[in-house]
Amino acid sequence: VGDRVFFAFDSAELDADAQELLQDQVAWIKQYDKSVTIEGHCDERGTREYNLALGEKRAQAVKNYLISLGVAATRVGAVSYGKERPAVIGSSEAAWGQNRRSVTTVN
């Protein structure tokens, strides 16, 4: 099961690929009775404050989707790292695309 979904620029909307991956995550979470934390991340563009808020929206979008598919709300946390923890270093569309993400971590 994949641990991350990606977002369009300045968006917290879950596309069809993200929803499909999250459905697989829900099945895994339920099968293994796990709790998770959703990390929201952004690319380097924008202010620190703006990206912390956008990362929070991304984490909440994933959290709400997992809950809508039957994961107990008490088993899903959310945190935003904004642009502070890039997956890829660089100032290109390829790097930015990898950094606009949420990551599901098992607690």
PDB file of N, CA and C in Angstrom:
ATOM      1  N   VAL A   1       0.854  -1.179   0.000  1.00  0.00           N
ATOM      2  CA  VAL A   1       0.000   0.000   0.000  1.00  0.00           C
ATOM      3  C   VAL A   1       0.893   1.233   0.000  1.00  0.00           C
ATOM      4  N   GLY A   2       0.642   2.175  -0.875  1.00  0.00           N
ATOM      5  CA  GLY A   2       1.416   3.409  -0.916  1.00  0.00           C
ATOM      6  C   GLY A   2       1.146   4.268   0.303  1.00  0.00           C
ATOM      7  N   ASP A   3       2.121   5.111   0.637  1.00  0.00           N
ATOM      8  CA  ASP A   3       1.966   5.942   1.832  1.00  0.00           C
ATOM      9  C   ASP A   3       1.739   7.406   1.525  1.00  0.00           C
ATOM     10  N   ARG A   4       1.725   7.801   0.224  1.00  0.00           N
ATOM     11  CA  ARG A   4       1.576   9.222  -0.068  1.00  0.00           C
ATOM     12  C   ARG A   4       0.672   9.471  -1.255  1.00  0.00           C
ATOM     13  N   VAL A   5       0.002  10.609  -1.181  1.00  0.00           N
ATOM     14  CA  VAL A   5      -0.784  11.095  -2.307  1.00  0.00           C
ATOM     15  C   VAL A   5      -0.267  12.489  -2.655  1.00  0.00           C
ATOM     16  N   PHE A   6      -0.459  12.866  -3.896  1.00  0.00           N
ATOM     17  CA  PHE A   6       0.080  14.121  -4.397  1.00  0.00           C
ATOM     18  C   PHE A   6      -1.053  15.072  -4.761  1.00  0.00           C
ATOM     19  N   PHE A   7      -0.741  16.363  -4.715  1.00  0.00           N
ATOM     20  CA  PHE A   7      -1.730  17.404  -4.938  1.00  0.00           C
ATOM     21  C   PHE A   7      -1.287  18.341  -6.047  1.00  0.00           C
ATOM     22  N   ALA A   8      -2.265  18.955  -6.695  1.00  0.00           N
ATOM     23  CA  ALA A   8      -1.986  19.990  -7.686  1.00  0.00           C
ATOM     24  C   ALA A   8      -1.510  21.253  -6.960  1.00  0.00           C
ATOM     25  N   PHE A   9      -0.920  22.159  -7.702  1.00  0.00           N
ATOM     26  CA  PHE A   9      -0.452  23.425  -7.136  1.00  0.00           C
ATOM     27  C   PHE A   9      -1.589  24.147  -6.426  1.00  0.00           C
ATOM     28  N   ASP A  10      -1.329  24.585  -5.201  1.00  0.00           N
ATOM     29  CA  ASP A  10      -2.263  25.393  -4.413  1.00  0.00           C
ATOM     30  C   ASP A  10      -3.608  24.696  -4.209  1.00  0.00           C
ATOM     31  N   SER A  11      -3.595  23.381  -4.079  1.00  0.00           N
ATOM     32  CA  SER A  11      -4.830  22.613  -3.963  1.00  0.00           C
ATOM     33  C   SER A  11      -4.753  21.605  -2.822  1.00  0.00           C
ATOM     34  N   ALA A  12      -5.921  21.335  -2.250  1.00  0.00           N
ATOM     35  CA  ALA A  12      -6.045  20.264  -1.262  1.00  0.00           C
ATOM     36  C   ALA A  12      -7.099  19.259  -1.725  1.00  0.00           C
ATOM     37  N   GLU A  13      -7.402  19.265  -3.021  1.00  0.00           N
ATOM     38  CA  GLU A  13      -8.402  18.358  -3.582  1.00  0.00           C
ATOM     39  C   GLU A  13      -7.784  16.992  -3.859  1.00  0.00           C
ATOM     40  N   LEU A  14      -8.509  15.940  -3.519  1.00  0.00           N
ATOM     41  CA  LEU A  14      -8.066  14.573  -3.784  1.00  0.00           C
ATOM     42  C   LEU A  14      -8.541  14.152  -5.171  1.00  0.00           C
ATOM     43  N   ASP A  15      -7.598  13.827  -6.058  1.00  0.00           N
ATOM     44  CA  ASP A  15      -7.983  13.367  -7.391  1.00  0.00           C
ATOM     45  C   ASP A  15      -8.307  11.868  -7.342  1.00  0.00           C
ATOM     46  N   ALA A  16      -8.678  11.303  -8.478  1.00  0.00           N
ATOM     47  CA  ALA A  16      -9.090   9.898  -8.534  1.00  0.00           C
ATOM     48  C   ALA A  16      -7.957   8.968  -8.103  1.00  0.00           C
ATOM     49  N   ASP A  17      -6.714   9.263  -8.499  1.00  0.00           N
ATOM     50  CA  ASP A  17      -5.580   8.424  -8.097  1.00  0.00           C
ATOM     51  C   ASP A  17      -5.391   8.453  -6.587  1.00  0.00           C
ATOM     52  N   ALA A  18      -5.532   9.627  -5.995  1.00  0.00           N
ATOM     53  CA  ALA A  18      -5.394   9.753  -4.541  1.00  0.00           C
ATOM     54  C   ALA A  18      -6.485   8.963  -3.831  1.00  0.00           C
ATOM     55  N   GLN A  19      -7.695   9.078  -4.311  1.00  0.00           N
ATOM     56  CA  GLN A  19      -8.804   8.366  -3.678  1.00  0.00           C
ATOM     57  C   GLN A  19      -8.611   6.854  -3.757  1.00  0.00           C
ATOM     58  N   GLU A  20      -8.123   6.378  -4.885  1.00  0.00           N
ATOM     59  CA  GLU A  20      -7.888   4.942  -5.045  1.00  0.00           C
ATOM     60  C   GLU A  20      -6.827   4.449  -4.061  1.00  0.00           C
ATOM     61  N   LEU A  21      -5.730   5.195  -3.940  1.00  0.00           N
ATOM     62  CA  LEU A  21      -4.674   4.813  -3.009  1.00  0.00           C
ATOM     63  C   LEU A  21      -5.190   4.848  -1.573  1.00  0.00           C
ATOM     64  N   LEU A  22      -5.982   5.859  -1.249  1.00  0.00           N
ATOM     65  CA  LEU A  22      -6.503   5.972   0.116  1.00  0.00           C
ATOM     66  C   LEU A  22      -7.493   4.859   0.437  1.00  0.00           C
ATOM     67  N   GLN A  23      -8.219   4.381  -0.550  1.00  0.00           N
ATOM     68  CA  GLN A  23      -9.107   3.240  -0.327  1.00  0.00           C
ATOM     69  C   GLN A  23      -8.293   2.006   0.055  1.00  0.00           C
ATOM     70  N   ASP A  24      -7.131   1.832  -0.587  1.00  0.00           N
ATOM     71  CA  ASP A  24      -6.238   0.733  -0.222  1.00  0.00           C
ATOM     72  C   ASP A  24      -5.704   0.924   1.195  1.00  0.00           C
ATOM     73  N   GLN A  25      -5.380   2.180   1.555  1.00  0.00           N
ATOM     74  CA  GLN A  25      -4.907   2.447   2.915  1.00  0.00           C
ATOM     75  C   GLN A  25      -5.974   2.093   3.946  1.00  0.00           C
ATOM     76  N   VAL A  26      -7.219   2.438   3.671  1.00  0.00           N
ATOM     77  CA  VAL A  26      -8.312   2.134   4.600  1.00  0.00           C
ATOM     78  C   VAL A  26      -8.400   0.630   4.833  1.00  0.00           C
ATOM     79  N   ALA A  27      -8.331  -0.142   3.767  1.00  0.00           N
ATOM     80  CA  ALA A  27      -8.392  -1.600   3.907  1.00  0.00           C
ATOM     81  C   ALA A  27      -7.251  -2.094   4.788  1.00  0.00           C
ATOM     82  N   TRP A  28      -6.051  -1.560   4.589  1.00  0.00           N
ATOM     83  CA  TRP A  28      -4.888  -1.972   5.377  1.00  0.00           C
ATOM     84  C   TRP A  28      -5.050  -1.564   6.833  1.00  0.00           C
ATOM     85  N   ILE A  29      -5.475  -0.321   7.062  1.00  0.00           N
ATOM     86  CA  ILE A  29      -5.657   0.177   8.441  1.00  0.00           C
ATOM     87  C   ILE A  29      -6.663  -0.692   9.184  1.00  0.00           C
ATOM     88  N   LYS A  30      -7.757  -1.032   8.526  1.00  0.00           N
ATOM     89  CA  LYS A  30      -8.779  -1.866   9.161  1.00  0.00           C
ATOM     90  C   LYS A  30      -8.270  -3.293   9.391  1.00  0.00           C
ATOM     91  N   GLN A  31      -7.567  -3.848   8.407  1.00  0.00           N
ATOM     92  CA  GLN A  31      -7.065  -5.223   8.521  1.00  0.00           C
ATOM     93  C   GLN A  31      -6.102  -5.369   9.686  1.00  0.00           C
ATOM     94  N   TYR A  32      -5.207  -4.395   9.850  1.00  0.00           N
ATOM     95  CA  TYR A  32      -4.167  -4.500  10.875  1.00  0.00           C
ATOM     96  C   TYR A  32      -4.474  -3.686  12.128  1.00  0.00           C
ATOM     97  N   ASP A  33      -5.673  -3.082  12.183  1.00  0.00           N
ATOM     98  CA  ASP A  33      -6.133  -2.363  13.367  1.00  0.00           C
ATOM     99  C   ASP A  33      -5.113  -1.324  13.827  1.00  0.00           C
ATOM    100  N   LYS A  34      -4.709  -0.447  12.918  1.00  0.00           N
ATOM    101  CA  LYS A  34      -3.666   0.542  13.187  1.00  0.00           C
ATOM    102  C   LYS A  34      -4.239   1.951  13.314  1.00  0.00           C
ATOM    103  N   SER A  35      -3.472   2.804  13.980  1.00  0.00           N
ATOM    104  CA  SER A  35      -3.728   4.243  14.005  1.00  0.00           C
ATOM    105  C   SER A  35      -2.682   4.902  13.126  1.00  0.00           C
ATOM    106  N   VAL A  36      -3.057   6.019  12.511  1.00  0.00           N
ATOM    107  CA  VAL A  36      -2.144   6.693  11.591  1.00  0.00           C
ATOM    108  C   VAL A  36      -2.140   8.198  11.835  1.00  0.00           C
ATOM    109  N   THR A  37      -1.082   8.824  11.352  1.00  0.00           N
ATOM    110  CA  THR A  37      -0.998  10.281  11.315  1.00  0.00           C
ATOM    111  C   THR A  37      -0.796  10.696   9.862  1.00  0.00           C
ATOM    112  N   ILE A  38      -1.547  11.683   9.442  1.00  0.00           N
ATOM    113  CA  ILE A  38      -1.436  12.209   8.092  1.00  0.00           C
ATOM    114  C   ILE A  38      -0.587  13.476   8.154  1.00  0.00           C
ATOM    115  N   GLU A  39       0.520  13.479   7.412  1.00  0.00           N
ATOM    116  CA  GLU A  39       1.399  14.645   7.332  1.00  0.00           C
ATOM    117  C   GLU A  39       1.073  15.414   6.055  1.00  0.00           C
ATOM    118  N   GLY A  40       0.814  16.706   6.194  1.00  0.00           N
ATOM    119  CA  GLY A  40       0.581  17.559   5.033  1.00  0.00           C
ATOM    120  C   GLY A  40       1.846  18.321   4.676  1.00  0.00           C
ATOM    121  N   HIS A  41       2.222  18.299   3.400  1.00  0.00           N
ATOM    122  CA  HIS A  41       3.444  18.941   2.929  1.00  0.00           C
ATOM    123  C   HIS A  41       3.155  19.828   1.723  1.00  0.00           C
ATOM    124  N   CYS A  42       4.039  20.815   1.507  1.00  0.00           N
ATOM    125  CA  CYS A  42       3.911  21.755   0.389  1.00  0.00           C
ATOM    126  C   CYS A  42       5.256  21.907  -0.309  1.00  0.00           C
ATOM    127  N   ASP A  43       5.219  22.527  -1.491  1.00  0.00           N
ATOM    128  CA  ASP A  43       6.481  22.859  -2.137  1.00  0.00           C
ATOM    129  C   ASP A  43       7.018  24.163  -1.549  1.00  0.00           C
ATOM    130  N   GLU A  44       8.163  24.594  -2.028  1.00  0.00           N
ATOM    131  CA  GLU A  44       8.872  25.721  -1.420  1.00  0.00           C
ATOM    132  C   GLU A  44       8.277  27.090  -1.713  1.00  0.00           C
ATOM    133  N   ARG A  45       7.364  27.159  -2.663  1.00  0.00           N
ATOM    134  CA  ARG A  45       6.795  28.453  -3.036  1.00  0.00           C
ATOM    135  C   ARG A  45       5.785  28.915  -1.985  1.00  0.00           C
ATOM    136  N   GLY A  46       5.701  30.191  -1.760  1.00  0.00           N
ATOM    137  CA  GLY A  46       4.765  30.742  -0.789  1.00  0.00           C
ATOM    138  C   GLY A  46       5.418  30.942   0.569  1.00  0.00           C
ATOM    139  N   THR A  47       4.735  31.674   1.429  1.00  0.00           N
ATOM    140  CA  THR A  47       5.273  31.965   2.756  1.00  0.00           C
ATOM    141  C   THR A  47       5.162  30.748   3.660  1.00  0.00           C
ATOM    142  N   ARG A  48       5.926  30.775   4.724  1.00  0.00           N
ATOM    143  CA  ARG A  48       5.882  29.687   5.706  1.00  0.00           C
ATOM    144  C   ARG A  48       4.465  29.528   6.255  1.00  0.00           C
ATOM    145  N   GLU A  49       3.838  30.645   6.611  1.00  0.00           N
ATOM    146  CA  GLU A  49       2.499  30.607   7.198  1.00  0.00           C
ATOM    147  C   GLU A  49       1.470  30.065   6.205  1.00  0.00           C
ATOM    148  N   TYR A  50       1.564  30.531   4.957  1.00  0.00           N
ATOM    149  CA  TYR A  50       0.621  30.058   3.943  1.00  0.00           C
ATOM    150  C   TYR A  50       0.756  28.549   3.741  1.00  0.00           C
ATOM    151  N   ASN A  51       1.995  28.072   3.658  1.00  0.00           N
ATOM    152  CA  ASN A  51       2.224  26.654   3.419  1.00  0.00           C
ATOM    153  C   ASN A  51       1.840  25.791   4.616  1.00  0.00           C
ATOM    154  N   LEU A  52       2.009  26.301   5.835  1.00  0.00           N
ATOM    155  CA  LEU A  52       1.525  25.548   6.996  1.00  0.00           C
ATOM    156  C   LEU A  52       0.011  25.379   6.937  1.00  0.00           C
ATOM    157  N   ALA A  53      -0.692  26.438   6.531  1.00  0.00           N
ATOM    158  CA  ALA A  53      -2.147  26.357   6.406  1.00  0.00           C
ATOM    159  C   ALA A  53      -2.553  25.411   5.279  1.00  0.00           C
ATOM    160  N   LEU A  54      -1.875  25.483   4.139  1.00  0.00           N
ATOM    161  CA  LEU A  54      -2.197  24.596   3.020  1.00  0.00           C
ATOM    162  C   LEU A  54      -1.873  23.146   3.366  1.00  0.00           C
ATOM    163  N   GLY A  55      -0.756  22.911   4.032  1.00  0.00           N
ATOM    164  CA  GLY A  55      -0.421  21.553   4.467  1.00  0.00           C
ATOM    165  C   GLY A  55      -1.481  20.991   5.405  1.00  0.00           C
ATOM    166  N   GLU A  56      -2.016  21.845   6.277  1.00  0.00           N
ATOM    167  CA  GLU A  56      -3.096  21.428   7.180  1.00  0.00           C
ATOM    168  C   GLU A  56      -4.345  21.055   6.393  1.00  0.00           C
ATOM    169  N   LYS A  57      -4.690  21.845   5.371  1.00  0.00           N
ATOM    170  CA  LYS A  57      -5.859  21.527   4.537  1.00  0.00           C
ATOM    171  C   LYS A  57      -5.667  20.190   3.837  1.00  0.00           C
ATOM    172  N   ARG A  58      -4.459  19.928   3.355  1.00  0.00           N
ATOM    173  CA  ARG A  58      -4.180  18.658   2.676  1.00  0.00           C
ATOM    174  C   ARG A  58      -4.299  17.486   3.648  1.00  0.00           C
ATOM    175  N   ALA A  59      -3.706  17.634   4.830  1.00  0.00           N
ATOM    176  CA  ALA A  59      -3.785  16.565   5.831  1.00  0.00           C
ATOM    177  C   ALA A  59      -5.238  16.326   6.242  1.00  0.00           C
ATOM    178  N   GLN A  60      -5.995  17.393   6.426  1.00  0.00           N
ATOM    179  CA  GLN A  60      -7.401  17.253   6.817  1.00  0.00           C
ATOM    180  C   GLN A  60      -8.235  16.618   5.706  1.00  0.00           C
ATOM    181  N   ALA A  61      -7.940  16.935   4.453  1.00  0.00           N
ATOM    182  CA  ALA A  61      -8.673  16.332   3.334  1.00  0.00           C
ATOM    183  C   ALA A  61      -8.485  14.820   3.334  1.00  0.00           C
ATOM    184  N   VAL A  62      -7.251  14.376   3.554  1.00  0.00           N
ATOM    185  CA  VAL A  62      -6.975  12.938   3.608  1.00  0.00           C
ATOM    186  C   VAL A  62      -7.642  12.326   4.833  1.00  0.00           C
ATOM    187  N   LYS A  63      -7.478  12.959   5.976  1.00  0.00           N
ATOM    188  CA  LYS A  63      -8.088  12.458   7.210  1.00  0.00           C
ATOM    189  C   LYS A  63      -9.603  12.299   7.040  1.00  0.00           C
ATOM    190  N   ASN A  64     -10.253  13.336   6.523  1.00  0.00           N
ATOM    191  CA  ASN A  64     -11.705  13.283   6.345  1.00  0.00           C
ATOM    192  C   ASN A  64     -12.115  12.183   5.379  1.00  0.00           C
ATOM    193  N   TYR A  65     -11.303  11.961   4.349  1.00  0.00           N
ATOM    194  CA  TYR A  65     -11.622  10.899   3.389  1.00  0.00           C
ATOM    195  C   TYR A  65     -11.508   9.528   4.058  1.00  0.00           C
ATOM    196  N   LEU A  66     -10.452   9.312   4.840  1.00  0.00           N
ATOM    197  CA  LEU A  66     -10.297   8.036   5.541  1.00  0.00           C
ATOM    198  C   LEU A  66     -11.471   7.801   6.486  1.00  0.00           C
ATOM    199  N   ILE A  67     -11.866   8.837   7.212  1.00  0.00           N
ATOM    200  CA  ILE A  67     -12.994   8.714   8.140  1.00  0.00           C
ATOM    201  C   ILE A  67     -14.282   8.415   7.381  1.00  0.00           C
ATOM    202  N   SER A  68     -14.458   9.051   6.214  1.00  0.00           N
ATOM    203  CA  SER A  68     -15.676   8.822   5.422  1.00  0.00           C
ATOM    204  C   SER A  68     -15.769   7.375   4.939  1.00  0.00           C
ATOM    205  N   LEU A  69     -14.613   6.692   4.875  1.00  0.00           N
ATOM    206  CA  LEU A  69     -14.595   5.293   4.439  1.00  0.00           C
ATOM    207  C   LEU A  69     -14.586   4.321   5.617  1.00  0.00           C
ATOM    208  N   GLY A  70     -14.812   4.836   6.833  1.00  0.00           N
ATOM    209  CA  GLY A  70     -15.021   3.949   7.965  1.00  0.00           C
ATOM    210  C   GLY A  70     -13.899   3.824   8.964  1.00  0.00           C
ATOM    211  N   VAL A  71     -12.810   4.568   8.811  1.00  0.00           N
ATOM    212  CA  VAL A  71     -11.759   4.551   9.828  1.00  0.00           C
ATOM    213  C   VAL A  71     -12.226   5.452  10.978  1.00  0.00           C
ATOM    214  N   ALA A  72     -12.109   4.968  12.209  1.00  0.00           N
ATOM    215  CA  ALA A  72     -12.542   5.748  13.364  1.00  0.00           C
ATOM    216  C   ALA A  72     -11.731   7.039  13.467  1.00  0.00           C
ATOM    217  N   ALA A  73     -12.413   8.140  13.735  1.00  0.00           N
ATOM    218  CA  ALA A  73     -11.754   9.444  13.832  1.00  0.00           C
ATOM    219  C   ALA A  73     -10.667   9.449  14.903  1.00  0.00           C
ATOM    220  N   THR A  74     -10.846   8.652  15.930  1.00  0.00           N
ATOM    221  CA  THR A  74      -9.859   8.597  17.016  1.00  0.00           C
ATOM    222  C   THR A  74      -8.570   7.915  16.586  1.00  0.00           C
ATOM    223  N   ARG A  75      -8.572   7.276  15.423  1.00  0.00           N
ATOM    224  CA  ARG A  75      -7.398   6.553  14.940  1.00  0.00           C
ATOM    225  C   ARG A  75      -6.644   7.297  13.846  1.00  0.00           C
ATOM    226  N   VAL A  76      -7.067   8.546  13.568  1.00  0.00           N
ATOM    227  CA  VAL A  76      -6.427   9.322  12.503  1.00  0.00           C
ATOM    228  C   VAL A  76      -6.060  10.708  13.032  1.00  0.00           C
ATOM    229  N   GLY A  77      -4.777  11.013  13.029  1.00  0.00           N
ATOM    230  CA  GLY A  77      -4.305  12.342  13.395  1.00  0.00           C
ATOM    231  C   GLY A  77      -3.837  13.082  12.158  1.00  0.00           C
ATOM    232  N   ALA A  78      -3.641  14.385  12.294  1.00  0.00           N
ATOM    233  CA  ALA A  78      -3.181  15.196  11.162  1.00  0.00           C
ATOM    234  C   ALA A  78      -2.201  16.241  11.666  1.00  0.00           C
ATOM    235  N   VAL A  79      -1.154  16.475  10.869  1.00  0.00           N
ATOM    236  CA  VAL A  79      -0.152  17.485  11.193  1.00  0.00           C
ATOM    237  C   VAL A  79       0.332  18.119   9.885  1.00  0.00           C
ATOM    238  N   SER A  80       0.658  19.400   9.946  1.00  0.00           N
ATOM    239  CA  SER A  80       1.198  20.079   8.771  1.00  0.00           C
ATOM    240  C   SER A  80       2.656  20.421   8.997  1.00  0.00           C
ATOM    241  N   TYR A  81       3.473  20.115   7.991  1.00  0.00           N
ATOM    242  CA  TYR A  81       4.866  20.525   7.999  1.00  0.00           C
ATOM    243  C   TYR A  81       5.136  21.622   6.978  1.00  0.00           C
ATOM    244  N   GLY A  82       4.088  22.057   6.274  1.00  0.00           N
ATOM    245  CA  GLY A  82       4.271  23.118   5.286  1.00  0.00           C
ATOM    246  C   GLY A  82       5.374  22.765   4.306  1.00  0.00           C
ATOM    247  N   LYS A  83       6.312  23.694   4.135  1.00  0.00           N
ATOM    248  CA  LYS A  83       7.425  23.464   3.209  1.00  0.00           C
ATOM    249  C   LYS A  83       8.700  23.063   3.937  1.00  0.00           C
ATOM    250  N   GLU A  84       8.601  22.748   5.226  1.00  0.00           N
ATOM    251  CA  GLU A  84       9.778  22.513   6.069  1.00  0.00           C
ATOM    252  C   GLU A  84      10.459  21.161   5.854  1.00  0.00           C
ATOM    253  N   ARG A  85       9.761  20.188   5.286  1.00  0.00           N
ATOM    254  CA  ARG A  85      10.329  18.853   5.108  1.00  0.00           C
ATOM    255  C   ARG A  85      10.164  18.363   3.670  1.00  0.00           C
ATOM    256  N   PRO A  86      10.888  18.956   2.732  1.00  0.00           N
ATOM    257  CA  PRO A  86      10.731  18.531   1.331  1.00  0.00           C
ATOM    258  C   PRO A  86      11.218  17.095   1.119  1.00  0.00           C
ATOM    259  N   ALA A  87      10.528  16.389   0.241  1.00  0.00           N
ATOM    260  CA  ALA A  87      10.955  15.038  -0.137  1.00  0.00           C
ATOM    261  C   ALA A  87      12.072  15.127  -1.155  1.00  0.00           C
ATOM    262  N   VAL A  88      12.039  16.172  -1.982  1.00  0.00           N
ATOM    263  CA  VAL A  88      13.006  16.375  -3.052  1.00  0.00           C
ATOM    264  C   VAL A  88      13.505  17.813  -2.968  1.00  0.00           C
ATOM    265  N   ILE A  89      14.811  17.989  -3.017  1.00  0.00           N
ATOM    266  CA  ILE A  89      15.395  19.325  -3.018  1.00  0.00           C
ATOM    267  C   ILE A  89      15.490  19.812  -4.455  1.00  0.00           C
ATOM    268  N   GLY A  90      15.044  21.032  -4.698  1.00  0.00           N
ATOM    269  CA  GLY A  90      15.134  21.593  -6.040  1.00  0.00           C
ATOM    270  C   GLY A  90      14.046  22.600  -6.286  1.00  0.00           C
ATOM    271  N   SER A  91      14.253  23.397  -7.299  1.00  0.00           N
ATOM    272  CA  SER A  91      13.288  24.436  -7.667  1.00  0.00           C
ATOM    273  C   SER A  91      12.819  24.211  -9.094  1.00  0.00           C
ATOM    274  N   SER A  92      12.241  23.041  -9.315  1.00  0.00           N
ATOM    275  CA  SER A  92      11.699  22.691 -10.631  1.00  0.00           C
ATOM    276  C   SER A  92      10.302  22.117 -10.436  1.00  0.00           C
ATOM    277  N   GLU A  93       9.547  22.066 -11.521  1.00  0.00           N
ATOM    278  CA  GLU A  93       8.198  21.509 -11.426  1.00  0.00           C
ATOM    279  C   GLU A  93       8.242  20.055 -10.951  1.00  0.00           C
ATOM    280  N   ALA A  94       9.257  19.306 -11.378  1.00  0.00           N
ATOM    281  CA  ALA A  94       9.377  17.909 -10.951  1.00  0.00           C
ATOM    282  C   ALA A  94       9.565  17.824  -9.435  1.00  0.00           C
ATOM    283  N   ALA A  95      10.435  18.658  -8.888  1.00  0.00           N
ATOM    284  CA  ALA A  95      10.665  18.657  -7.437  1.00  0.00           C
ATOM    285  C   ALA A  95       9.420  19.144  -6.706  1.00  0.00           C
ATOM    286  N   TRP A  96       8.848  20.233  -7.175  1.00  0.00           N
ATOM    287  CA  TRP A  96       7.661  20.768  -6.516  1.00  0.00           C
ATOM    288  C   TRP A  96       6.524  19.745  -6.504  1.00  0.00           C
ATOM    289  N   GLY A  97       6.357  19.015  -7.609  1.00  0.00           N
ATOM    290  CA  GLY A  97       5.293  18.010  -7.694  1.00  0.00           C
ATOM    291  C   GLY A  97       5.451  16.904  -6.668  1.00  0.00           C
ATOM    292  N   GLN A  98       6.696  16.525  -6.355  1.00  0.00           N
ATOM    293  CA  GLN A  98       6.943  15.489  -5.345  1.00  0.00           C
ATOM    294  C   GLN A  98       6.751  16.015  -3.925  1.00  0.00           C
ATOM    295  N   ASN A  99       6.890  17.315  -3.758  1.00  0.00           N
ATOM    296  CA  ASN A  99       6.774  17.911  -2.427  1.00  0.00           C
ATOM    297  C   ASN A  99       5.347  18.297  -2.055  1.00  0.00           C
ATOM    298  N   ARG A 100       4.458  18.418  -3.032  1.00  0.00           N
ATOM    299  CA  ARG A 100       3.043  18.709  -2.756  1.00  0.00           C
ATOM    300  C   ARG A 100       2.354  17.389  -2.471  1.00  0.00           C
ATOM    301  N   ARG A 101       2.346  16.988  -1.185  1.00  0.00           N
ATOM    302  CA  ARG A 101       1.914  15.636  -0.868  1.00  0.00           C
ATOM    303  C   ARG A 101       1.364  15.538   0.535  1.00  0.00           C
ATOM    304  N   SER A 102       0.721  14.418   0.799  1.00  0.00           N
ATOM    305  CA  SER A 102       0.455  13.994   2.165  1.00  0.00           C
ATOM    306  C   SER A 102       1.113  12.631   2.330  1.00  0.00           C
ATOM    307  N   VAL A 103       1.572  12.368   3.523  1.00  0.00           N
ATOM    308  CA  VAL A 103       2.215  11.086   3.830  1.00  0.00           C
ATOM    309  C   VAL A 103       1.484  10.479   5.015  1.00  0.00           C
ATOM    310  N   THR A 104       1.088   9.221   4.886  1.00  0.00           N
ATOM    311  CA  THR A 104       0.419   8.521   5.969  1.00  0.00           C
ATOM    312  C   THR A 104       1.472   7.707   6.721  1.00  0.00           C
ATOM    313  N   THR A 105       1.614   7.986   8.015  1.00  0.00           N
ATOM    314  CA  THR A 105       2.558   7.256   8.846  1.00  0.00           C
ATOM    315  C   THR A 105       1.794   6.447   9.890  1.00  0.00           C
ATOM    316  N   VAL A 106       2.268   5.253  10.154  1.00  0.00           N
ATOM    317  CA  VAL A 106       1.629   4.379  11.134  1.00  0.00           C
ATOM    318  C   VAL A 106       2.173   4.742  12.515  1.00  0.00           C
ATOM    319  N   ASN A 107       1.279   4.894  13.460  1.00  0.00           N
ATOM    320  CA  ASN A 107       1.681   5.239  14.828  1.00  0.00           C
ATOM    321  C   ASN A 107       2.134   4.007  15.591  1.00  0.00           C
TER     322      ASN A 107
END
